[in-house]
C-alpha atoms as a PDB file:
ATOM      1  CA  THR A   1      37.323 -31.403  51.114  1.00  0.00           C
ATOM      2  CA  HIS A   2      35.112 -28.396  50.547  1.00  0.00           C
ATOM      3  CA  VAL A   3      31.580 -28.419  51.898  1.00  0.00           C
ATOM      4  CA  VAL A   4      29.183 -25.844  50.545  1.00  0.00           C
ATOM      5  CA  CYS A   5      25.701 -25.481  51.944  1.00  0.00           C
ATOM      6  CA  ASP A   6      23.086 -22.892  51.216  1.00  0.00           C
ATOM      7  CA  ARG A   7      21.903 -22.521  54.788  1.00  0.00           C
ATOM      8  CA  TYR A   8      23.669 -23.030  58.076  1.00  0.00           C
ATOM      9  CA  ARG A   9      23.960 -21.500  61.528  1.00  0.00           C
ATOM     10  CA  LEU A  10      23.275 -17.832  60.715  1.00  0.00           C
ATOM     11  CA  SER A  11      20.284 -18.799  58.608  1.00  0.00           C
ATOM     12  CA  SER A  12      18.797 -20.812  61.447  1.00  0.00           C
ATOM     13  CA  LEU A  13      19.346 -17.960  63.880  1.00  0.00           C
ATOM     14  CA  ALA A  14      18.010 -15.253  61.557  1.00  0.00           C
ATOM     15  CA  TYR A  15      14.820 -17.018  60.518  1.00  0.00           C
ATOM     16  CA  GLN A  16      13.971 -18.807  63.742  1.00  0.00           C
ATOM     17  CA  SER A  17      14.549 -15.742  65.911  1.00  0.00           C
ATOM     18  CA  VAL A  18      11.479 -14.205  64.294  1.00  0.00           C
ATOM     19  CA  THR A  19       9.358 -16.466  66.516  1.00  0.00           C
ATOM     20  CA  LEU A  20      11.752 -17.998  69.076  1.00  0.00           C
ATOM     21  CA  PRO A  21      14.035 -16.544  71.781  1.00  0.00           C
ATOM     22  CA  PRO A  22      17.503 -15.777  70.321  1.00  0.00           C
ATOM     23  CA  SER A  23      19.311 -16.970  73.463  1.00  0.00           C
ATOM     24  CA  TRP A  24      17.632 -20.386  73.249  1.00  0.00           C
ATOM     25  CA  LEU A  25      18.528 -20.638  69.548  1.00  0.00           C
ATOM     26  CA  GLU A  26      22.160 -19.753  70.305  1.00  0.00           C
ATOM     27  CA  THR A  27      22.291 -22.561  72.872  1.00  0.00           C
ATOM     28  CA  LEU A  28      20.676 -24.995  70.466  1.00  0.00           C
ATOM     29  CA  ASN A  29      23.160 -24.151  67.707  1.00  0.00           C
ATOM     30  CA  SER A  30      26.263 -23.896  69.914  1.00  0.00           C
ATOM     31  CA  PRO A  31      27.472 -27.489  69.319  1.00  0.00           C
ATOM     32  CA  PHE A  32      27.779 -26.914  65.574  1.00  0.00           C
ATOM     33  CA  PRO A  33      31.225 -25.922  64.326  1.00  0.00           C
ATOM     34  CA  ALA A  34      31.779 -22.425  63.015  1.00  0.00           C
ATOM     35  CA  PRO A  35      32.195 -22.385  59.252  1.00  0.00           C
ATOM     36  CA  ASP A  36      35.491 -21.370  57.691  1.00  0.00           C
ATOM     37  CA  LEU A  37      33.562 -18.803  55.653  1.00  0.00           C
ATOM     38  CA  THR A  38      30.019 -17.493  55.605  1.00  0.00           C
ATOM     39  CA  LEU A  39      28.788 -15.601  52.567  1.00  0.00           C
ATOM     40  CA  LEU A  40      25.572 -13.674  52.981  1.00  0.00           C
ATOM     41  CA  ILE A  41      24.128 -12.577  49.666  1.00  0.00           C
ATOM     42  CA  ARG A  42      21.996  -9.570  50.536  1.00  0.00           C
ATOM     43  CA  VAL A  43      19.290  -7.754  48.671  1.00  0.00           C
ATOM     44  CA  PRO A  44      16.836  -5.254  50.088  1.00  0.00           C
ATOM     45  CA  PRO A  45      13.746  -7.050  51.412  1.00  0.00           C
ATOM     46  CA  ALA A  46      11.570  -5.391  48.729  1.00  0.00           C
ATOM     47  CA  VAL A  47      13.804  -6.859  46.011  1.00  0.00           C
ATOM     48  CA  ALA A  48      13.683 -10.265  47.677  1.00  0.00           C
ATOM     49  CA  LEU A  49       9.899 -10.127  47.795  1.00  0.00           C
ATOM     50  CA  ARG A  50       9.674  -9.153  44.110  1.00  0.00           C
ATOM     51  CA  ARG A  51      11.866 -12.149  43.263  1.00  0.00           C
ATOM     52  CA  VAL A  52       9.663 -14.425  45.364  1.00  0.00           C
ATOM     53  CA  VAL A  53       6.502 -13.169  43.669  1.00  0.00           C
ATOM     54  CA  SER A  54       8.080 -13.512  40.196  1.00  0.00           C
ATOM     55  CA  ARG A  55       8.517 -17.259  40.758  1.00  0.00           C
ATOM     56  CA  GLY A  56       4.769 -17.617  40.464  1.00  0.00           C
ATOM     57  CA  GLN A  57       4.663 -20.261  43.193  1.00  0.00           C
ATOM     58  CA  PRO A  58       2.921 -20.258  46.563  1.00  0.00           C
ATOM     59  CA  ARG A  59       4.866 -18.325  49.164  1.00  0.00           C
ATOM     60  CA  GLU A  60       6.466 -19.816  52.236  1.00  0.00           C
ATOM     61  CA  ARG A  61       5.251 -18.470  55.577  1.00  0.00           C
ATOM     62  CA  TYR A  62       8.334 -16.305  55.977  1.00  0.00           C
ATOM     63  CA  GLU A  63       8.000 -14.697  52.538  1.00  0.00           C
ATOM     64  CA  THR A  64       6.142 -11.575  53.587  1.00  0.00           C
ATOM     65  CA  ALA A  65       7.428  -8.009  53.660  1.00  0.00           C
ATOM     66  CA  ALA A  66       7.251  -7.799  57.456  1.00  0.00           C
ATOM     67  CA  VAL A  67       9.097 -11.063  58.070  1.00  0.00           C
ATOM     68  CA  LEU A  68      11.728 -10.362  55.401  1.00  0.00           C
ATOM     69  CA  GLU A  69      12.415  -6.959  57.006  1.00  0.00           C
ATOM     70  CA  ARG A  70      12.959  -8.567  60.427  1.00  0.00           C
ATOM     71  CA  VAL A  71      15.070 -11.397  59.009  1.00  0.00           C
ATOM     72  CA  SER A  72      17.219  -8.978  57.011  1.00  0.00           C
ATOM     73  CA  ALA A  73      17.842  -6.839  60.095  1.00  0.00           C
ATOM     74  CA  ARG A  74      18.687  -9.931  62.136  1.00  0.00           C
ATOM     75  CA  TYR A  75      21.109 -11.159  59.473  1.00  0.00           C
ATOM     76  CA  GLY A  76      22.896  -7.815  59.664  1.00  0.00           C
ATOM     77  CA  GLU A  77      23.187  -8.104  63.450  1.00  0.00           C
ATOM     78  CA  LEU A  78      24.379 -11.712  63.276  1.00  0.00           C
ATOM     79  CA  CYS A  79      26.999 -10.962  60.637  1.00  0.00           C
ATOM     80  CA  GLY A  80      28.341  -8.112  62.733  1.00  0.00           C
ATOM     81  CA  GLU A  81      28.509 -10.386  65.786  1.00  0.00           C
ATOM     82  CA  ALA A  82      30.259 -13.129  63.786  1.00  0.00           C
ATOM     83  CA  GLN A  83      32.791 -10.654  62.412  1.00  0.00           C
ATOM     84  CA  ALA A  84      33.427  -9.340  65.942  1.00  0.00           C
ATOM     85  CA  ARG A  85      34.231 -12.925  67.014  1.00  0.00           C
ATOM     86  CA  GLY A  86      36.747 -13.134  64.173  1.00  0.00           C
ATOM     87  CA  GLU A  87      34.643 -15.429  61.971  1.00  0.00           C
ATOM     88  CA  ALA A  88      35.084 -14.909  58.245  1.00  0.00           C
ATOM     89  CA  THR A  89      31.723 -13.475  57.293  1.00  0.00           C
ATOM     90  CA  VAL A  90      31.273 -11.550  54.062  1.00  0.00           C
ATOM     91  CA  MET A  91      28.152  -9.710  52.985  1.00  0.00           C
ATOM     92  CA  ILE A  92      27.764  -9.651  49.217  1.00  0.00           C
ATOM     93  CA  ASP A  93      25.533  -7.325  47.228  1.00  0.00           C
ATOM     94  CA  GLY A  94      22.961  -9.623  45.630  1.00  0.00           C
ATOM     95  CA  ARG A  95      21.649  -7.023  43.225  1.00  0.00           C
ATOM     96  CA  GLY A  96      22.611  -7.438  39.597  1.00  0.00           C
ATOM     97  CA  SER A  97      22.715 -10.340  37.195  1.00  0.00           C
ATOM     98  CA  LYS A  98      23.471 -13.901  38.225  1.00  0.00           C
ATOM     99  CA  ALA A  99      26.871 -13.554  36.563  1.00  0.00           C
ATOM    100  CA  GLU A 100      27.677 -10.359  38.470  1.00  0.00           C
ATOM    101  CA  VAL A 101      26.658 -11.824  41.811  1.00  0.00           C
ATOM    102  CA  GLY A 102      28.515 -15.034  40.942  1.00  0.00           C
ATOM    103  CA  GLN A 103      31.691 -13.041  40.359  1.00  0.00           C
ATOM    104  CA  ARG A 104      31.309 -11.366  43.747  1.00  0.00           C
ATOM    105  CA  VAL A 105      30.862 -14.745  45.414  1.00  0.00           C
ATOM    106  CA  LEU A 106      33.889 -16.180  43.630  1.00  0.00           C
ATOM    107  CA  ALA A 107      36.030 -13.184  44.592  1.00  0.00           C
ATOM    108  CA  ALA A 108      35.044 -13.547  48.253  1.00  0.00           C
ATOM    109  CA  ALA A 109      35.445 -17.343  48.381  1.00  0.00           C
ATOM    110  CA  THR A 110      38.635 -17.828  46.366  1.00  0.00           C
ATOM    111  CA  PRO A 111      41.042 -16.835  49.171  1.00  0.00           C
ATOM    112  CA  PHE A 112      39.512 -19.575  51.354  1.00  0.00           C
ATOM    113  CA  LEU A 113      39.829 -22.398  48.825  1.00  0.00           C
ATOM    114  CA  ARG A 114      42.853 -24.571  49.408  1.00  0.00           C
ATOM    115  CA  PRO A 115      44.140 -26.950  46.726  1.00  0.00           C
END
């Protein structure tokens, strides 16, 4: 069985650590199992903000330049920590077309898919 989710442990830690103590968040998330693979699709915060604005919908509270900068930096730290623990964590360049990014995701995930 393959389970794919668009947000999990690193997402919780990256976004919530903007306003909450990281050590408390680590404790809160510690019972959850480590994923077999984490893919972080990264774009520069300015690109992310342009994409948010282009949706033409009201922004979420975390969709500001300042928050996206902090979250992006935190994601980088968390991915480095996860990799240091031996967790399969791959950062993927999210710039380019959907097809290009999709190919990068597929290339990173394929070795982890078991028949």
